[in-house]
PDB file of N, CA and C in Angstrom:
ATOM      1  N   MET A   1     115.317  98.465 105.776  1.00  0.00           N
ATOM      2  CA  MET A   1     114.640  97.059 106.019  1.00  0.00           C
ATOM      3  C   MET A   1     116.061  96.680 107.387  1.00  0.00           C
ATOM      4  N   ASP A   2     115.696  97.354 108.364  1.00  0.00           N
ATOM      5  CA  ASP A   2     116.701  97.098 109.490  1.00  0.00           C
ATOM      6  C   ASP A   2     115.895  96.950 110.555  1.00  0.00           C
ATOM      7  N   PRO A   3     115.641  96.109 111.579  1.00  0.00           N
ATOM      8  CA  PRO A   3     114.932  96.014 112.604  1.00  0.00           C
ATOM      9  C   PRO A   3     115.192  97.349 113.840  1.00  0.00           C
ATOM     10  N   ASP A   4     116.436  97.837 113.752  1.00  0.00           N
ATOM     11  CA  ASP A   4     116.718  98.994 114.316  1.00  0.00           C
ATOM     12  C   ASP A   4     115.923 100.157 114.159  1.00  0.00           C
ATOM     13  N   ALA A   5     115.856 100.269 112.829  1.00  0.00           N
ATOM     14  CA  ALA A   5     115.070 101.360 112.099  1.00  0.00           C
ATOM     15  C   ALA A   5     113.618 101.159 112.016  1.00  0.00           C
ATOM     16  N   ASP A   6     113.084 100.082 112.163  1.00  0.00           N
ATOM     17  CA  ASP A   6     111.489  99.988 112.476  1.00  0.00           C
ATOM     18  C   ASP A   6     111.305 100.169 113.749  1.00  0.00           C
ATOM     19  N   ALA A   7     112.295  99.791 114.893  1.00  0.00           N
ATOM     20  CA  ALA A   7     112.070 100.157 116.431  1.00  0.00           C
ATOM     21  C   ALA A   7     112.025 101.628 116.567  1.00  0.00           C
ATOM     22  N   ALA A   8     112.723 102.228 115.675  1.00  0.00           N
ATOM     23  CA  ALA A   8     113.162 103.896 116.081  1.00  0.00           C
ATOM     24  C   ALA A   8     111.918 104.659 115.174  1.00  0.00           C
ATOM     25  N   ILE A   9     111.348 103.970 114.262  1.00  0.00           N
ATOM     26  CA  ILE A   9     109.891 104.461 113.709  1.00  0.00           C
ATOM     27  C   ILE A   9     108.779 104.207 114.466  1.00  0.00           C
ATOM     28  N   ALA A  10     108.837 103.210 114.954  1.00  0.00           N
ATOM     29  CA  ALA A  10     107.527 102.940 115.962  1.00  0.00           C
ATOM     30  C   ALA A  10     107.814 103.908 117.126  1.00  0.00           C
ATOM     31  N   ARG A  11     108.758 104.005 117.576  1.00  0.00           N
ATOM     32  CA  ARG A  11     109.324 105.018 118.496  1.00  0.00           C
ATOM     33  C   ARG A  11     108.624 106.362 118.445  1.00  0.00           C
ATOM     34  N   PHE A  12     108.890 106.848 117.330  1.00  0.00           N
ATOM     35  CA  PHE A  12     108.607 108.243 116.646  1.00  0.00           C
ATOM     36  C   PHE A  12     107.097 108.165 116.674  1.00  0.00           C
ATOM     37  N   PHE A  13     106.506 107.336 116.312  1.00  0.00           N
ATOM     38  CA  PHE A  13     105.018 107.276 115.980  1.00  0.00           C
ATOM     39  C   PHE A  13     104.504 107.482 117.527  1.00  0.00           C
ATOM     40  N   GLU A  14     104.793 106.693 118.141  1.00  0.00           N
ATOM     41  CA  GLU A  14     104.286 106.761 119.479  1.00  0.00           C
ATOM     42  C   GLU A  14     104.534 108.180 120.157  1.00  0.00           C
ATOM     43  N   LEU A  15     105.609 108.517 120.297  1.00  0.00           N
ATOM     44  CA  LEU A  15     106.160 110.085 120.778  1.00  0.00           C
ATOM     45  C   LEU A  15     105.075 111.376 120.027  1.00  0.00           C
ATOM     46  N   SER A  16     104.815 110.996 118.780  1.00  0.00           N
ATOM     47  CA  SER A  16     103.797 111.985 118.049  1.00  0.00           C
ATOM     48  C   SER A  16     102.732 111.732 117.832  1.00  0.00           C
ATOM     49  N   GLU A  17     102.099 110.549 118.644  1.00  0.00           N
ATOM     50  CA  GLU A  17     100.963 110.242 118.759  1.00  0.00           C
ATOM     51  C   GLU A  17     100.290 109.885 117.194  1.00  0.00           C
ATOM     52  N   ALA A  18     100.908 109.430 116.284  1.00  0.00           N
ATOM     53  CA  ALA A  18     100.588 108.859 114.876  1.00  0.00           C
ATOM     54  C   ALA A  18      99.677 107.750 114.698  1.00  0.00           C
ATOM     55  N   ARG A  19      98.899 107.908 114.096  1.00  0.00           N
ATOM     56  CA  ARG A  19      97.948 106.829 113.886  1.00  0.00           C
ATOM     57  C   ARG A  19      97.864 106.768 112.154  1.00  0.00           C
ATOM     58  N   ARG A  20      97.711 105.476 111.697  1.00  0.00           N
ATOM     59  CA  ARG A  20      97.525 105.343 110.230  1.00  0.00           C
ATOM     60  C   ARG A  20      96.365 106.217 109.522  1.00  0.00           C
ATOM     61  N   TYR A  21      96.837 106.814 108.629  1.00  0.00           N
ATOM     62  CA  TYR A  21      95.901 107.722 107.889  1.00  0.00           C
ATOM     63  C   TYR A  21      95.349 107.028 106.468  1.00  0.00           C
ATOM     64  N   PRO A  22      94.048 106.671 106.439  1.00  0.00           N
ATOM     65  CA  PRO A  22      93.122 107.631 106.829  1.00  0.00           C
ATOM     66  C   PRO A  22      92.177 106.984 108.093  1.00  0.00           C
ATOM     67  N   ASP A  23      92.166 105.802 108.456  1.00  0.00           N
ATOM     68  CA  ASP A  23      91.792 104.721 109.350  1.00  0.00           C
ATOM     69  C   ASP A  23      91.828 104.921 110.750  1.00  0.00           C
ATOM     70  N   GLY A  24      93.269 105.683 111.369  1.00  0.00           N
ATOM     71  CA  GLY A  24      93.400 105.843 112.647  1.00  0.00           C
ATOM     72  C   GLY A  24      93.850 104.755 113.282  1.00  0.00           C
ATOM     73  N   LYS A  25      94.215 103.832 112.762  1.00  0.00           N
ATOM     74  CA  LYS A  25      94.622 102.510 113.427  1.00  0.00           C
ATOM     75  C   LYS A  25      96.042 102.794 114.120  1.00  0.00           C
ATOM     76  N   GLN A  26      96.285 102.428 115.140  1.00  0.00           N
ATOM     77  CA  GLN A  26      97.580 102.485 115.807  1.00  0.00           C
ATOM     78  C   GLN A  26      98.456 101.332 115.439  1.00  0.00           C
ATOM     79  N   LEU A  27      99.598 101.771 114.993  1.00  0.00           N
ATOM     80  CA  LEU A  27     100.509 100.846 114.250  1.00  0.00           C
ATOM     81  C   LEU A  27     101.402 100.246 115.321  1.00  0.00           C
ATOM     82  N   ASN A  28     102.075  98.978 115.068  1.00  0.00           N
ATOM     83  CA  ASN A  28     103.173  98.389 115.462  1.00  0.00           C
ATOM     84  C   ASN A  28     104.198  98.138 114.916  1.00  0.00           C
ATOM     85  N   GLU A  29     105.250  97.501 115.748  1.00  0.00           N
ATOM     86  CA  GLU A  29     106.448  97.014 114.890  1.00  0.00           C
ATOM     87  C   GLU A  29     106.138  96.280 113.543  1.00  0.00           C
ATOM     88  N   GLY A  30     105.133  95.244 113.645  1.00  0.00           N
ATOM     89  CA  GLY A  30     104.657  94.367 112.487  1.00  0.00           C
ATOM     90  C   GLY A  30     104.192  95.171 111.417  1.00  0.00           C
ATOM     91  N   ASP A  31     103.538  95.924 111.703  1.00  0.00           N
ATOM     92  CA  ASP A  31     102.757  97.049 110.705  1.00  0.00           C
ATOM     93  C   ASP A  31     103.945  97.632 109.791  1.00  0.00           C
ATOM     94  N   ILE A  32     104.913  97.973 110.593  1.00  0.00           N
ATOM     95  CA  ILE A  32     106.020  99.004 109.987  1.00  0.00           C
ATOM     96  C   ILE A  32     106.657  98.143 109.206  1.00  0.00           C
ATOM     97  N   ARG A  33     107.293  96.932 109.881  1.00  0.00           N
ATOM     98  CA  ARG A  33     108.140  96.092 109.113  1.00  0.00           C
ATOM     99  C   ARG A  33     107.263  95.400 107.970  1.00  0.00           C
ATOM    100  N   ASP A  34     106.275  95.284 107.768  1.00  0.00           N
ATOM    101  CA  ASP A  34     105.907  94.645 106.544  1.00  0.00           C
ATOM    102  C   ASP A  34     105.187  95.841 105.630  1.00  0.00           C
ATOM    103  N   ALA A  35     105.338  96.959 105.802  1.00  0.00           N
ATOM    104  CA  ALA A  35     104.856  98.069 104.941  1.00  0.00           C
ATOM    105  C   ALA A  35     106.243  98.796 103.944  1.00  0.00           C
ATOM    106  N   HIS A  36     105.921  98.951 102.933  1.00  0.00           N
ATOM    107  CA  HIS A  36     106.445  99.688 101.901  1.00  0.00           C
ATOM    108  C   HIS A  36     106.599 101.164 101.862  1.00  0.00           C
ATOM    109  N   HIS A  37     105.066 101.713 102.166  1.00  0.00           N
ATOM    110  CA  HIS A  37     104.845 102.900 102.535  1.00  0.00           C
ATOM    111  C   HIS A  37     103.734 103.165 103.537  1.00  0.00           C
ATOM    112  N   LEU A  38     103.876 103.935 104.559  1.00  0.00           N
ATOM    113  CA  LEU A  38     102.847 104.435 105.376  1.00  0.00           C
ATOM    114  C   LEU A  38     102.648 105.670 105.326  1.00  0.00           C
ATOM    115  N   ARG A  39     101.553 106.087 105.558  1.00  0.00           N
ATOM    116  CA  ARG A  39     101.140 107.600 105.790  1.00  0.00           C
ATOM    117  C   ARG A  39     100.388 107.606 107.315  1.00  0.00           C
ATOM    118  N   VAL A  40     100.840 108.600 107.945  1.00  0.00           N
ATOM    119  CA  VAL A  40      99.823 108.585 109.317  1.00  0.00           C
ATOM    120  C   VAL A  40      99.799 110.132 109.563  1.00  0.00           C
ATOM    121  N   GLU A  41      98.741 109.978 110.397  1.00  0.00           N
ATOM    122  CA  GLU A  41      98.322 111.675 110.834  1.00  0.00           C
ATOM    123  C   GLU A  41      98.824 111.626 112.269  1.00  0.00           C
ATOM    124  N   SER A  42      99.675 112.749 112.522  1.00  0.00           N
ATOM    125  CA  SER A  42     100.361 112.779 113.700  1.00  0.00           C
ATOM    126  C   SER A  42     100.175 114.391 114.292  1.00  0.00           C
ATOM    127  N   ARG A  43     100.648 114.337 115.491  1.00  0.00           N
ATOM    128  CA  ARG A  43     100.524 115.852 116.062  1.00  0.00           C
ATOM    129  C   ARG A  43     101.083 116.983 115.244  1.00  0.00           C
ATOM    130  N   HIS A  44     102.179 116.549 114.515  1.00  0.00           N
ATOM    131  CA  HIS A  44     102.868 117.107 113.699  1.00  0.00           C
ATOM    132  C   HIS A  44     102.179 117.497 112.227  1.00  0.00           C
ATOM    133  N   GLY A  45     101.009 116.795 112.015  1.00  0.00           N
ATOM    134  CA  GLY A  45     100.545 116.627 110.600  1.00  0.00           C
ATOM    135  C   GLY A  45     100.658 115.211 109.857  1.00  0.00           C
ATOM    136  N   VAL A  46     100.333 115.405 108.528  1.00  0.00           N
ATOM    137  CA  VAL A  46     100.218 114.279 107.880  1.00  0.00           C
ATOM    138  C   VAL A  46     102.030 114.011 107.658  1.00  0.00           C
ATOM    139  N   ILE A  47     102.451 112.570 107.678  1.00  0.00           N
ATOM    140  CA  ILE A  47     103.848 112.043 107.349  1.00  0.00           C
ATOM    141  C   ILE A  47     103.722 111.018 106.783  1.00  0.00           C
ATOM    142  N   ASP A  48     104.672 110.957 105.444  1.00  0.00           N
ATOM    143  CA  ASP A  48     104.753 109.676 104.916  1.00  0.00           C
ATOM    144  C   ASP A  48     106.186 109.191 105.046  1.00  0.00           C
ATOM    145  N   ILE A  49     105.884 107.652 105.161  1.00  0.00           N
ATOM    146  CA  ILE A  49     107.148 106.908 105.270  1.00  0.00           C
ATOM    147  C   ILE A  49     107.576 105.988 104.049  1.00  0.00           C
ATOM    148  N   MET A  50     108.448 106.015 103.545  1.00  0.00           N
ATOM    149  CA  MET A  50     108.725 105.021 102.538  1.00  0.00           C
ATOM    150  C   MET A  50     110.011 104.381 102.555  1.00  0.00           C
ATOM    151  N   ARG A  51     110.239 103.153 102.179  1.00  0.00           N
ATOM    152  CA  ARG A  51     111.360 102.274 102.263  1.00  0.00           C
ATOM    153  C   ARG A  51     112.015 102.534 100.957  1.00  0.00           C
ATOM    154  N   GLY A  52     113.519 102.595 101.112  1.00  0.00           N
ATOM    155  CA  GLY A  52     114.415 102.564 100.226  1.00  0.00           C
ATOM    156  C   GLY A  52     114.052 103.431  98.917  1.00  0.00           C
ATOM    157  N   GLY A  53     113.995 102.946  97.633  1.00  0.00           N
ATOM    158  CA  GLY A  53     113.897 103.852  96.670  1.00  0.00           C
ATOM    159  C   GLY A  53     115.053 103.992  95.888  1.00  0.00           C
ATOM    160  N   LEU A  54     114.921 104.575  94.703  1.00  0.00           N
ATOM    161  CA  LEU A  54     116.099 104.348  93.925  1.00  0.00           C
ATOM    162  C   LEU A  54     116.582 105.782  93.630  1.00  0.00           C
ATOM    163  N   PRO A  55     117.963 106.133  93.522  1.00  0.00           N
ATOM    164  CA  PRO A  55     118.129 107.506  92.972  1.00  0.00           C
ATOM    165  C   PRO A  55     117.422 108.049  91.873  1.00  0.00           C
ATOM    166  N   PRO A  56     117.246 109.503  92.119  1.00  0.00           N
ATOM    167  CA  PRO A  56     117.313 110.195  92.958  1.00  0.00           C
ATOM    168  C   PRO A  56     116.750 110.447  94.494  1.00  0.00           C
ATOM    169  N   LEU A  57     115.555 109.519  94.347  1.00  0.00           N
ATOM    170  CA  LEU A  57     114.746 109.643  95.737  1.00  0.00           C
ATOM    171  C   LEU A  57     115.048 108.754  96.694  1.00  0.00           C
ATOM    172  N   ASP A  58     116.217 107.950  96.885  1.00  0.00           N
ATOM    173  CA  ASP A  58     116.732 107.140  97.567  1.00  0.00           C
ATOM    174  C   ASP A  58     117.209 108.482  99.007  1.00  0.00           C
ATOM    175  N   TYR A  59     117.215 107.479  99.933  1.00  0.00           N
ATOM    176  CA  TYR A  59     117.428 108.496 101.531  1.00  0.00           C
ATOM    177  C   TYR A  59     118.842 108.891 101.372  1.00  0.00           C
ATOM    178  N   GLU A  60     119.715 108.232 100.455  1.00  0.00           N
ATOM    179  CA  GLU A  60     121.283 108.975 100.831  1.00  0.00           C
ATOM    180  C   GLU A  60     121.233 110.222  99.878  1.00  0.00           C
ATOM    181  N   THR A  61     120.641 110.006  98.867  1.00  0.00           N
ATOM    182  CA  THR A  61     120.576 111.483  97.814  1.00  0.00           C
ATOM    183  C   THR A  61     119.746 112.318  98.730  1.00  0.00           C
ATOM    184  N   ALA A  62     118.691 111.821  98.887  1.00  0.00           N
ATOM    185  CA  ALA A  62     117.725 113.037  99.543  1.00  0.00           C
ATOM    186  C   ALA A  62     118.336 113.539 100.772  1.00  0.00           C
ATOM    187  N   SER A  63     119.195 112.894 101.604  1.00  0.00           N
ATOM    188  CA  SER A  63     119.823 113.397 103.050  1.00  0.00           C
ATOM    189  C   SER A  63     120.892 114.478 102.467  1.00  0.00           C
ATOM    190  N   ALA A  64     121.596 113.908 101.590  1.00  0.00           N
ATOM    191  CA  ALA A  64     122.852 114.795 101.087  1.00  0.00           C
ATOM    192  C   ALA A  64     122.258 116.008 100.281  1.00  0.00           C
ATOM    193  N   ARG A  65     121.080 116.292  99.614  1.00  0.00           N
ATOM    194  CA  ARG A  65     120.677 117.368  99.237  1.00  0.00           C
ATOM    195  C   ARG A  65     119.967 118.160 100.061  1.00  0.00           C
ATOM    196  N   ALA A  66     119.576 117.616 101.244  1.00  0.00           N
ATOM    197  CA  ALA A  66     118.790 118.489 102.356  1.00  0.00           C
ATOM    198  C   ALA A  66     119.449 119.662 102.650  1.00  0.00           C
ATOM    199  N   VAL A  67     118.665 120.622 103.118  1.00  0.00           N
ATOM    200  CA  VAL A  67     118.826 121.999 103.317  1.00  0.00           C
ATOM    201  C   VAL A  67     118.681 122.167 105.132  1.00  0.00           C
ATOM    202  N   GLU A  68     119.520 122.764 105.625  1.00  0.00           N
ATOM    203  CA  GLU A  68     120.010 122.896 107.115  1.00  0.00           C
ATOM    204  C   GLU A  68     119.495 124.370 107.559  1.00  0.00           C
ATOM    205  N   ALA A  69     118.817 124.389 108.285  1.00  0.00           N
ATOM    206  CA  ALA A  69     118.058 125.673 108.780  1.00  0.00           C
ATOM    207  C   ALA A  69     118.007 125.453 110.393  1.00  0.00           C
ATOM    208  N   THR A  70     117.689 126.652 110.982  1.00  0.00           N
ATOM    209  CA  THR A  70     117.448 126.785 112.343  1.00  0.00           C
ATOM    210  C   THR A  70     116.156 127.501 112.426  1.00  0.00           C
ATOM    211  N   TRP A  71     115.249 126.913 113.430  1.00  0.00           N
ATOM    212  CA  TRP A  71     114.041 128.009 113.815  1.00  0.00           C
ATOM    213  C   TRP A  71     114.017 127.802 115.465  1.00  0.00           C
ATOM    214  N   ARG A  72     113.890 128.737 116.092  1.00  0.00           N
ATOM    215  CA  ARG A  72     113.986 128.936 117.521  1.00  0.00           C
ATOM    216  C   ARG A  72     114.849 128.514 118.240  1.00  0.00           C
ATOM    217  N   ASP A  73     116.177 128.637 117.407  1.00  0.00           N
ATOM    218  CA  ASP A  73     117.365 127.900 118.125  1.00  0.00           C
ATOM    219  C   ASP A  73     117.650 126.357 117.875  1.00  0.00           C
ATOM    220  N   GLN A  74     116.480 125.772 117.028  1.00  0.00           N
ATOM    221  CA  GLN A  74     116.681 124.366 116.929  1.00  0.00           C
ATOM    222  C   GLN A  74     116.993 124.056 115.249  1.00  0.00           C
ATOM    223  N   PRO A  75     118.115 123.383 115.235  1.00  0.00           N
ATOM    224  CA  PRO A  75     118.342 123.377 113.761  1.00  0.00           C
ATOM    225  C   PRO A  75     117.563 121.901 113.421  1.00  0.00           C
ATOM    226  N   PHE A  76     117.331 122.054 112.123  1.00  0.00           N
ATOM    227  CA  PHE A  76     116.471 120.827 111.392  1.00  0.00           C
ATOM    228  C   PHE A  76     116.892 120.814 109.737  1.00  0.00           C
ATOM    229  N   ARG A  77     116.419 119.727 109.233  1.00  0.00           N
ATOM    230  CA  ARG A  77     116.690 119.809 107.891  1.00  0.00           C
ATOM    231  C   ARG A  77     115.226 119.608 106.912  1.00  0.00           C
ATOM    232  N   VAL A  78     115.380 119.981 105.973  1.00  0.00           N
ATOM    233  CA  VAL A  78     114.303 119.878 105.063  1.00  0.00           C
ATOM    234  C   VAL A  78     114.443 119.477 103.724  1.00  0.00           C
ATOM    235  N   ALA A  79     113.928 118.697 103.118  1.00  0.00           N
ATOM    236  CA  ALA A  79     113.920 118.319 101.887  1.00  0.00           C
ATOM    237  C   ALA A  79     114.250 119.373 100.474  1.00  0.00           C
ATOM    238  N   ALA A  80     115.506 119.372  99.888  1.00  0.00           N
ATOM    239  CA  ALA A  80     115.705 120.274  98.880  1.00  0.00           C
ATOM    240  C   ALA A  80     114.497 120.306  97.753  1.00  0.00           C
ATOM    241  N   LEU A  81     114.398 121.520  97.187  1.00  0.00           N
ATOM    242  CA  LEU A  81     113.471 121.738  96.107  1.00  0.00           C
ATOM    243  C   LEU A  81     113.372 120.582  95.067  1.00  0.00           C
ATOM    244  N   ARG A  82     114.691 120.175  94.713  1.00  0.00           N
ATOM    245  CA  ARG A  82     114.902 118.946  93.454  1.00  0.00           C
ATOM    246  C   ARG A  82     114.031 117.842  94.116  1.00  0.00           C
ATOM    247  N   THR A  83     114.548 117.454  95.468  1.00  0.00           N
ATOM    248  CA  THR A  83     113.875 116.273  95.937  1.00  0.00           C
ATOM    249  C   THR A  83     112.467 116.400  95.999  1.00  0.00           C
ATOM    250  N   LEU A  84     111.643 117.326  96.664  1.00  0.00           N
ATOM    251  CA  LEU A  84     110.384 117.934  96.697  1.00  0.00           C
ATOM    252  C   LEU A  84     109.762 117.482  95.268  1.00  0.00           C
ATOM    253  N   VAL A  85     110.135 117.976  94.436  1.00  0.00           N
ATOM    254  CA  VAL A  85     109.732 118.363  93.060  1.00  0.00           C
ATOM    255  C   VAL A  85     109.462 116.338  92.635  1.00  0.00           C
ATOM    256  N   GLY A  86     110.729 116.066  92.739  1.00  0.00           N
ATOM    257  CA  GLY A  86     110.754 114.230  92.591  1.00  0.00           C
ATOM    258  C   GLY A  86     109.761 113.512  93.239  1.00  0.00           C
ATOM    259  N   PHE A  87     109.562 113.750  94.693  1.00  0.00           N
ATOM    260  CA  PHE A  87     108.409 113.230  95.111  1.00  0.00           C
ATOM    261  C   PHE A  87     106.903 113.511  94.680  1.00  0.00           C
ATOM    262  N   LYS A  88     106.938 114.887  94.501  1.00  0.00           N
ATOM    263  CA  LYS A  88     105.552 115.307  94.133  1.00  0.00           C
ATOM    264  C   LYS A  88     105.472 114.813  92.657  1.00  0.00           C
ATOM    265  N   ARG A  89     106.166 114.578  91.906  1.00  0.00           N
ATOM    266  CA  ARG A  89     106.250 113.836  90.342  1.00  0.00           C
ATOM    267  C   ARG A  89     105.730 112.564  90.619  1.00  0.00           C
ATOM    268  N   LEU A  90     106.352 111.890  91.453  1.00  0.00           N
ATOM    269  CA  LEU A  90     106.316 110.484  91.238  1.00  0.00           C
ATOM    270  C   LEU A  90     104.919 110.401  91.957  1.00  0.00           C
ATOM    271  N   ALA A  91     104.520 111.037  93.052  1.00  0.00           N
ATOM    272  CA  ALA A  91     102.997 110.631  93.619  1.00  0.00           C
ATOM    273  C   ALA A  91     101.963 111.119  92.745  1.00  0.00           C
ATOM    274  N   GLY A  92     102.046 112.169  92.021  1.00  0.00           N
ATOM    275  CA  GLY A  92     101.256 112.430  90.819  1.00  0.00           C
ATOM    276  C   GLY A  92      99.678 112.525  91.435  1.00  0.00           C
ATOM    277  N   ARG A  93      99.228 112.908  92.551  1.00  0.00           N
ATOM    278  CA  ARG A  93      98.256 112.898  92.703  1.00  0.00           C
ATOM    279  C   ARG A  93      97.521 114.302  92.586  1.00  0.00           C
ATOM    280  N   GLY A  94      96.299 115.040  92.297  1.00  0.00           N
ATOM    281  CA  GLY A  94      95.741 115.846  91.795  1.00  0.00           C
ATOM    282  C   GLY A  94      96.495 117.189  92.706  1.00  0.00           C
ATOM    283  N   GLN A  95      96.652 116.871  94.054  1.00  0.00           N
ATOM    284  CA  GLN A  95      97.294 118.252  94.810  1.00  0.00           C
ATOM    285  C   GLN A  95      98.481 118.185  94.578  1.00  0.00           C
ATOM    286  N   ASP A  96      99.271 117.214  94.310  1.00  0.00           N
ATOM    287  CA  ASP A  96     100.656 117.264  93.815  1.00  0.00           C
ATOM    288  C   ASP A  96     100.957 117.846  92.597  1.00  0.00           C
ATOM    289  N   ARG A  97      99.971 117.944  91.707  1.00  0.00           N
ATOM    290  CA  ARG A  97     100.207 118.772  90.486  1.00  0.00           C
ATOM    291  C   ARG A  97      99.848 120.353  90.661  1.00  0.00           C
ATOM    292  N   VAL A  98      98.942 120.382  91.606  1.00  0.00           N
ATOM    293  CA  VAL A  98      98.575 121.284  92.049  1.00  0.00           C
ATOM    294  C   VAL A  98      99.967 122.533  92.652  1.00  0.00           C
ATOM    295  N   ASP A  99     100.506 121.543  93.778  1.00  0.00           N
ATOM    296  CA  ASP A  99     101.742 122.015  94.577  1.00  0.00           C
ATOM    297  C   ASP A  99     102.953 122.300  93.432  1.00  0.00           C
ATOM    298  N   LEU A 100     103.203 121.424  92.576  1.00  0.00           N
ATOM    299  CA  LEU A 100     104.050 121.736  91.372  1.00  0.00           C
ATOM    300  C   LEU A 100     103.883 122.907  90.886  1.00  0.00           C
ATOM    301  N   GLU A 101     102.828 123.364  90.448  1.00  0.00           N
ATOM    302  CA  GLU A 101     102.174 124.731  89.729  1.00  0.00           C
ATOM    303  C   GLU A 101     102.698 125.990  90.637  1.00  0.00           C
ATOM    304  N   ASN A 102     102.497 125.598  91.954  1.00  0.00           N
ATOM    305  CA  ASN A 102     102.354 126.524  92.816  1.00  0.00           C
ATOM    306  C   ASN A 102     104.291 126.816  93.070  1.00  0.00           C
ATOM    307  N   LEU A 103     104.761 125.774  93.227  1.00  0.00           N
ATOM    308  CA  LEU A 103     106.168 125.754  93.427  1.00  0.00           C
ATOM    309  C   LEU A 103     106.788 126.494  92.111  1.00  0.00           C
ATOM    310  N   GLU A 104     106.853 126.078  90.716  1.00  0.00           N
ATOM    311  CA  GLU A 104     107.026 126.735  89.834  1.00  0.00           C
ATOM    312  C   GLU A 104     106.468 128.393  89.659  1.00  0.00           C
ATOM    313  N   ASN A 105     105.359 128.863  90.160  1.00  0.00           N
ATOM    314  CA  ASN A 105     105.027 130.241  89.953  1.00  0.00           C
ATOM    315  C   ASN A 105     105.989 130.748  91.113  1.00  0.00           C
ATOM    316  N   ALA A 106     106.276 130.060  92.307  1.00  0.00           N
ATOM    317  CA  ALA A 106     107.131 130.809  93.247  1.00  0.00           C
ATOM    318  C   ALA A 106     108.433 130.890  92.918  1.00  0.00           C
ATOM    319  N   ASN A 107     108.983 129.702  92.157  1.00  0.00           N
ATOM    320  CA  ASN A 107     110.537 129.723  91.955  1.00  0.00           C
ATOM    321  C   ASN A 107     111.000 129.763  90.619  1.00  0.00           C
ATOM    322  N   GLY A 108     110.100 129.600  89.884  1.00  0.00           N
ATOM    323  CA  GLY A 108     110.503 129.751  88.312  1.00  0.00           C
ATOM    324  C   GLY A 108     110.802 128.301  87.723  1.00  0.00           C
ATOM    325  N   GLU A 109     111.163 127.973  86.855  1.00  0.00           N
ATOM    326  CA  GLU A 109     111.481 126.707  86.154  1.00  0.00           C
ATOM    327  C   GLU A 109     112.132 125.479  87.112  1.00  0.00           C
ATOM    328  N   LEU A 110     111.416 124.520  87.364  1.00  0.00           N
ATOM    329  CA  LEU A 110     111.532 123.730  88.565  1.00  0.00           C
ATOM    330  C   LEU A 110     112.606 122.483  88.160  1.00  0.00           C
ATOM    331  N   PRO A 111     113.649 122.191  89.105  1.00  0.00           N
ATOM    332  CA  PRO A 111     114.696 121.256  88.809  1.00  0.00           C
ATOM    333  C   PRO A 111     113.790 119.947  88.604  1.00  0.00           C
ATOM    334  N   ILE A 112     114.370 119.302  87.432  1.00  0.00           N
ATOM    335  CA  ILE A 112     113.626 118.062  87.205  1.00  0.00           C
ATOM    336  C   ILE A 112     114.673 117.117  86.874  1.00  0.00           C
ATOM    337  N   ASP A 113     114.678 115.728  87.817  1.00  0.00           N
ATOM    338  CA  ASP A 113     115.593 114.815  87.588  1.00  0.00           C
ATOM    339  C   ASP A 113     114.372 113.799  87.049  1.00  0.00           C
ATOM    340  N   GLU A 114     115.423 112.874  86.503  1.00  0.00           N
ATOM    341  CA  GLU A 114     114.438 111.540  85.713  1.00  0.00           C
ATOM    342  C   GLU A 114     114.585 110.432  86.860  1.00  0.00           C
ATOM    343  N   ILE A 115     113.109 110.088  86.771  1.00  0.00           N
ATOM    344  CA  ILE A 115     112.725 109.272  87.796  1.00  0.00           C
ATOM    345  C   ILE A 115     112.328 107.988  87.277  1.00  0.00           C
ATOM    346  N   PRO A 116     113.133 106.821  87.801  1.00  0.00           N
ATOM    347  CA  PRO A 116     112.712 105.496  87.407  1.00  0.00           C
ATOM    348  C   PRO A 116     111.591 104.779  87.640  1.00  0.00           C
ATOM    349  N   GLY A 117     110.940 104.513  86.702  1.00  0.00           N
ATOM    350  CA  GLY A 117     109.450 103.900  86.849  1.00  0.00           C
ATOM    351  C   GLY A 117     108.429 105.093  86.474  1.00  0.00           C
ATOM    352  N   LEU A 118     108.783 106.179  86.147  1.00  0.00           N
ATOM    353  CA  LEU A 118     108.392 107.397  85.983  1.00  0.00           C
ATOM    354  C   LEU A 118     108.334 107.763  84.487  1.00  0.00           C
ATOM    355  N   ASP A 119     109.918 108.204  84.273  1.00  0.00           N
ATOM    356  CA  ASP A 119     110.474 108.757  83.095  1.00  0.00           C
ATOM    357  C   ASP A 119     111.144 107.512  82.554  1.00  0.00           C
ATOM    358  N   THR A 120     111.368 106.492  82.748  1.00  0.00           N
ATOM    359  CA  THR A 120     112.101 105.447  82.006  1.00  0.00           C
ATOM    360  C   THR A 120     111.174 104.507  81.902  1.00  0.00           C
TER     361      THR A 120
END
């Protein structure tokens, strides 16, 4: 809930040619400021932006758990399996349930955190 963060998100959307999913609307800072969740289609694929959140799916926890890697000499961070599982469980869409089954088949028993509003 920070005007600087909203401006950074707007700039990212501009640079990544993002449009609101699924209607293709170009978003402005007002749209960003007023939204709790945005899903956009960009040249990088579909991206979800969410504000705030409670542990364990808040930014600080997700960031602290993120995995660092390098590809083509470029460092990047990706959400840890535990965080990804939490977001997939919270979203609860059909494809998310399929993704969780596939993740479990590939990784064995998945790490499960208690999610406020879902498990409590």
